[in-house]
Amino acid sequence: MPRPSLQAKEPADNADLLCVCRDALVRWGKDARRTASLMVGQPDYEVYVAHAEATHPDQPPLDRTAFFRLHEARRFGAGGAFRCC
């Protein structure tokens, strides 16, 4: 009956494991933030910028503050539009 080799196995590269874990946590955090923003009616700014650059290359996209204010006004009905409360 052949015996398994008793050679020492190479230790797992901890740096690679840490990088994978860190990347997974960063990705999870971004996804959680995006989900929370969408739940309260605030679209994702990075998606807006990508869309604006692709469809309207002649116009600069709104900055983050102006984007937030625009969507808050749309959500809560600024300018005499319908408000639920």
Protein backbone atom coordinates (compact mmCIF):
# COMPACT_ATOMS: atom_id res chain seq x y z
CA MET A 1 0.00 0.00 0.00
CA PRO A 2 1.61 3.30 -1.04
CA ARG A 3 2.14 5.80 1.73
CA PRO A 4 1.41 9.47 1.24
CA SER A 5 4.40 11.71 0.94
CA LEU A 6 5.58 13.15 4.25
CA GLN A 7 7.03 16.24 2.65
CA ALA A 8 6.22 19.50 4.39
CA LYS A 9 3.58 21.39 2.53
CA GLU A 10 4.23 25.03 1.68
CA PRO A 11 2.56 27.37 4.15
CA ALA A 12 -0.38 29.30 2.78
CA ASP A 13 0.55 32.76 1.67
CA ASN A 14 -1.10 34.91 4.34
CA ALA A 15 -0.58 38.11 2.36
CA ASP A 16 -2.74 36.80 -0.50
CA LEU A 17 -5.43 35.70 1.93
CA LEU A 18 -5.45 39.12 3.61
CA CYS A 19 -5.73 40.86 0.24
CA VAL A 20 -8.65 38.65 -0.77
CA CYS A 21 -10.42 39.26 2.55
CA ARG A 22 -9.79 43.00 2.40
CA ASP A 23 -11.06 43.22 -1.17
CA ALA A 24 -14.18 41.26 -0.25
CA LEU A 25 -14.87 43.55 2.72
CA VAL A 26 -14.38 46.69 0.62
CA ARG A 27 -16.71 45.34 -2.06
CA TRP A 28 -19.30 44.37 0.59
CA GLY A 29 -19.09 47.83 2.15
CA LYS A 30 -19.63 49.58 -1.19
CA ASP A 31 -22.56 47.30 -1.99
CA ALA A 32 -24.12 47.92 1.43
CA ARG A 33 -23.74 51.69 1.02
CA ARG A 34 -25.25 51.59 -2.48
CA THR A 35 -28.18 49.48 -1.24
CA ALA A 36 -28.86 51.81 1.68
CA SER A 37 -28.75 54.85 -0.61
CA LEU A 38 -31.20 53.28 -3.04
CA MET A 39 -33.52 52.32 -0.18
CA VAL A 40 -33.89 55.98 0.80
CA GLY A 41 -34.22 57.15 -2.80
CA GLN A 42 -30.71 58.45 -3.44
CA PRO A 43 -29.25 57.08 -6.72
CA ASP A 44 -25.58 56.15 -7.03
CA TYR A 45 -23.37 59.11 -8.00
CA GLU A 46 -20.70 57.00 -9.77
CA VAL A 47 -23.36 55.38 -11.98
CA TYR A 48 -24.69 58.86 -12.83
CA VAL A 49 -21.20 60.12 -13.78
CA ALA A 50 -20.60 57.10 -16.03
CA HIS A 51 -23.99 57.64 -17.69
CA ALA A 52 -23.42 61.39 -18.11
CA GLU A 53 -20.00 60.91 -19.68
CA ALA A 54 -21.31 58.24 -22.06
CA THR A 55 -24.50 59.99 -23.19
CA HIS A 56 -23.66 63.69 -22.79
CA PRO A 57 -19.91 64.08 -23.45
CA ASP A 58 -20.33 67.79 -24.29
CA GLN A 59 -21.72 68.66 -20.83
CA PRO A 60 -19.83 68.35 -17.54
CA PRO A 61 -21.59 66.14 -14.97
CA LEU A 62 -22.99 67.68 -11.79
CA ASP A 63 -20.72 67.65 -8.78
CA ARG A 64 -21.67 65.38 -5.87
CA THR A 65 -23.39 68.14 -3.87
CA ALA A 66 -25.50 69.37 -6.80
CA PHE A 67 -26.42 65.77 -7.66
CA PHE A 68 -27.56 65.13 -4.08
CA ARG A 69 -29.59 68.35 -3.96
CA LEU A 70 -31.25 67.62 -7.31
CA HIS A 71 -32.42 64.19 -6.19
CA GLU A 72 -33.51 65.45 -2.79
CA ALA A 73 -35.62 68.12 -4.54
CA ARG A 74 -37.12 65.48 -6.83
CA ARG A 75 -37.82 63.19 -3.90
CA PHE A 76 -39.43 65.75 -1.61
CA GLY A 77 -41.11 67.93 -4.23
CA ALA A 78 -39.28 71.25 -4.24
CA GLY A 79 -40.64 74.16 -6.26
CA GLY A 80 -44.36 73.65 -5.63
CA ALA A 81 -44.54 70.07 -6.85
CA PHE A 82 -46.47 67.38 -4.99
CA ARG A 83 -45.44 66.67 -1.40
CA CYS A 84 -46.97 63.95 0.64
CA CYS A 85 -46.33 65.63 4.02
